[in-house]
Structure formats: structure tokens, C-alpha cells
Amino acid sequence: MCTYTTVKDAIDGSAKGPGGAWFRVTDVTVYFDHPVHALAEHTLNIDFAAPAKGPGARVALELTADSAERLVAAIQEALAAVPVEMRA
């Protein structure tokens, strides 16, 4: 069963998209649902996008729940090692 819980937020970053071109991403959408490609019944799906550039300016991830939790822990560990003055 799907939760239909979708979290959207504004972000500031870059992503490498189709054709290997980098583009600025301004939006992120996170939800737990059926994947399109991953071999799992449900995945945490993360879409990084630049809506102003059209539908092709998007990078999508589909992660199992366990993989998503490991990603969160890895991000937290990496950020914890960054000196405060570098986090601007």
C-alpha cells in the first residue's frame, strides 16, 4: 500500500543529467512509492529537478528503505565532519 506522502522543498545545488550536462537544481521531491525501474516492491524516490528548464532537467533516485537509511546516515556523517565555517 502507498502512503501518498510527498515532501517537496526548495534546494540549491547541481546535478548531472541526460547527456552528461550539469544543470542547477532548485527543487526536490521525496516520496515512498512503487518504483519505475528499481527491483523492489516499494522504494524511497528522490527527484532533483529544475522545473524552469523543462521536464528533462531532472535526476531521479529509487532506493530501498534500507539503502535510503544508509544514505541519510552517510550524509549526516559527512556533514558532521565539516567545520562550521565551511558550511556557508
C-alpha atoms as a PDB file:
ATOM      1  CA  MET A   1       0.000   0.000   0.000  1.00  0.00           C
ATOM      2  CA  CYS A   2       1.258   3.503  -0.821  1.00  0.00           C
ATOM      3  CA  THR A   3       1.298   6.314   1.705  1.00  0.00           C
ATOM      4  CA  TYR A   4       0.871   9.116  -0.849  1.00  0.00           C
ATOM      5  CA  THR A   5       3.070  11.211   1.441  1.00  0.00           C
ATOM      6  CA  THR A   6       5.087  13.553  -0.740  1.00  0.00           C
ATOM      7  CA  VAL A   7       7.631  16.017   0.619  1.00  0.00           C
ATOM      8  CA  LYS A   8       8.721  18.915  -1.588  1.00  0.00           C
ATOM      9  CA  ASP A   9      11.309  21.572  -0.851  1.00  0.00           C
ATOM     10  CA  ALA A  10      13.489  24.177  -2.492  1.00  0.00           C
ATOM     11  CA  ILE A  11      17.180  23.301  -2.778  1.00  0.00           C
ATOM     12  CA  ASP A  12      20.325  24.866  -4.186  1.00  0.00           C
ATOM     13  CA  GLY A  13      22.716  22.562  -5.994  1.00  0.00           C
ATOM     14  CA  SER A  14      23.758  20.972  -9.265  1.00  0.00           C
ATOM     15  CA  ALA A  15      23.090  17.634 -10.913  1.00  0.00           C
ATOM     16  CA  LYS A  16      24.466  15.816 -13.922  1.00  0.00           C
ATOM     17  CA  GLY A  17      21.589  14.919 -16.196  1.00  0.00           C
ATOM     18  CA  PRO A  18      20.916  13.287 -19.532  1.00  0.00           C
ATOM     19  CA  GLY A  19      23.822  13.581 -21.939  1.00  0.00           C
ATOM     20  CA  GLY A  20      26.259  14.298 -19.113  1.00  0.00           C
ATOM     21  CA  ALA A  21      25.371  18.001 -18.891  1.00  0.00           C
ATOM     22  CA  TRP A  22      25.359  19.703 -15.497  1.00  0.00           C
ATOM     23  CA  PHE A  23      22.401  21.884 -14.528  1.00  0.00           C
ATOM     24  CA  ARG A  24      21.309  23.799 -11.449  1.00  0.00           C
ATOM     25  CA  VAL A  25      18.645  22.030  -9.381  1.00  0.00           C
ATOM     26  CA  THR A  26      16.128  24.111  -7.470  1.00  0.00           C
ATOM     27  CA  ASP A  27      13.533  21.576  -6.309  1.00  0.00           C
ATOM     28  CA  VAL A  28      13.487  18.208  -4.569  1.00  0.00           C
ATOM     29  CA  THR A  29      10.567  15.819  -4.205  1.00  0.00           C
ATOM     30  CA  VAL A  30      10.772  12.811  -1.878  1.00  0.00           C
ATOM     31  CA  TYR A  31       8.155  10.067  -1.584  1.00  0.00           C
ATOM     32  CA  PHE A  32       7.805   6.346  -0.814  1.00  0.00           C
ATOM     33  CA  ASP A  33       6.008   4.512  -3.608  1.00  0.00           C
ATOM     34  CA  HIS A  34       6.283   1.850  -6.288  1.00  0.00           C
ATOM     35  CA  PRO A  35       9.491   2.297  -8.307  1.00  0.00           C
ATOM     36  CA  VAL A  36       9.630   2.697 -12.052  1.00  0.00           C
ATOM     37  CA  HIS A  37      12.911   0.844 -12.526  1.00  0.00           C
ATOM     38  CA  ALA A  38      14.361  -0.500  -9.235  1.00  0.00           C
ATOM     39  CA  LEU A  39      13.803  -4.173  -8.460  1.00  0.00           C
ATOM     40  CA  ALA A  40      11.808  -3.680  -5.262  1.00  0.00           C
ATOM     41  CA  GLU A  41       8.136  -3.515  -4.404  1.00  0.00           C
ATOM     42  CA  HIS A  42       8.455  -0.043  -2.859  1.00  0.00           C
ATOM     43  CA  THR A  43      11.289   2.475  -2.803  1.00  0.00           C
ATOM     44  CA  LEU A  44      12.110   5.883  -1.438  1.00  0.00           C
ATOM     45  CA  ASN A  45      12.081   8.047  -4.541  1.00  0.00           C
ATOM     46  CA  ILE A  46      14.017  11.289  -4.734  1.00  0.00           C
ATOM     47  CA  ASP A  47      13.640  13.627  -7.692  1.00  0.00           C
ATOM     48  CA  PHE A  48      16.059  16.527  -8.111  1.00  0.00           C
ATOM     49  CA  ALA A  49      14.715  18.985 -10.661  1.00  0.00           C
ATOM     50  CA  ALA A  50      14.948  22.374 -12.320  1.00  0.00           C
ATOM     51  CA  PRO A  51      11.321  22.928 -13.402  1.00  0.00           C
ATOM     52  CA  ALA A  52      12.189  26.183 -15.175  1.00  0.00           C
ATOM     53  CA  LYS A  53      14.330  24.152 -17.608  1.00  0.00           C
ATOM     54  CA  GLY A  54      11.540  21.718 -18.509  1.00  0.00           C
ATOM     55  CA  PRO A  55      10.847  18.042 -17.747  1.00  0.00           C
ATOM     56  CA  GLY A  56      14.246  16.844 -18.992  1.00  0.00           C
ATOM     57  CA  ALA A  57      16.074  18.739 -16.244  1.00  0.00           C
ATOM     58  CA  ARG A  58      15.559  16.011 -13.656  1.00  0.00           C
ATOM     59  CA  VAL A  59      17.580  13.345 -11.889  1.00  0.00           C
ATOM     60  CA  ALA A  60      15.671  10.562 -10.136  1.00  0.00           C
ATOM     61  CA  LEU A  61      16.751   8.035  -7.492  1.00  0.00           C
ATOM     62  CA  GLU A  62      14.875   4.935  -6.358  1.00  0.00           C
ATOM     63  CA  LEU A  63      16.333   3.423  -3.170  1.00  0.00           C
ATOM     64  CA  THR A  64      15.214   0.567  -0.968  1.00  0.00           C
ATOM     65  CA  ALA A  65      14.273   1.722   2.533  1.00  0.00           C
ATOM     66  CA  ASP A  66      17.484   0.209   3.940  1.00  0.00           C
ATOM     67  CA  SER A  67      19.611   1.931   1.312  1.00  0.00           C
ATOM     68  CA  ALA A  68      17.842   5.240   1.928  1.00  0.00           C
ATOM     69  CA  GLU A  69      18.550   4.988   5.664  1.00  0.00           C
ATOM     70  CA  ARG A  70      22.223   4.247   4.950  1.00  0.00           C
ATOM     71  CA  LEU A  71      22.344   7.260   2.609  1.00  0.00           C
ATOM     72  CA  VAL A  72      20.885   9.520   5.321  1.00  0.00           C
ATOM     73  CA  ALA A  73      23.474   8.227   7.819  1.00  0.00           C
ATOM     74  CA  ALA A  74      26.313   8.754   5.319  1.00  0.00           C
ATOM     75  CA  ILE A  75      25.152  12.317   4.609  1.00  0.00           C
ATOM     76  CA  GLN A  76      24.926  13.078   8.325  1.00  0.00           C
ATOM     77  CA  GLU A  77      28.400  11.622   8.946  1.00  0.00           C
ATOM     78  CA  ALA A  78      29.943  13.609   6.097  1.00  0.00           C
ATOM     79  CA  LEU A  79      28.303  16.867   7.227  1.00  0.00           C
ATOM     80  CA  ALA A  80      29.333  16.308  10.849  1.00  0.00           C
ATOM     81  CA  ALA A  81      32.972  16.261   9.710  1.00  0.00           C
ATOM     82  CA  VAL A  82      32.703  19.684   8.027  1.00  0.00           C
ATOM     83  CA  PRO A  83      33.965  22.677  10.032  1.00  0.00           C
ATOM     84  CA  VAL A  84      31.171  25.173  10.750  1.00  0.00           C
ATOM     85  CA  GLU A  85      32.916  27.953   8.825  1.00  0.00           C
ATOM     86  CA  MET A  86      32.821  25.860   5.625  1.00  0.00           C
ATOM     87  CA  ARG A  87      29.067  25.220   5.764  1.00  0.00           C
ATOM     88  CA  ALA A  88      28.024  28.570   4.304  1.00  0.00           C
END
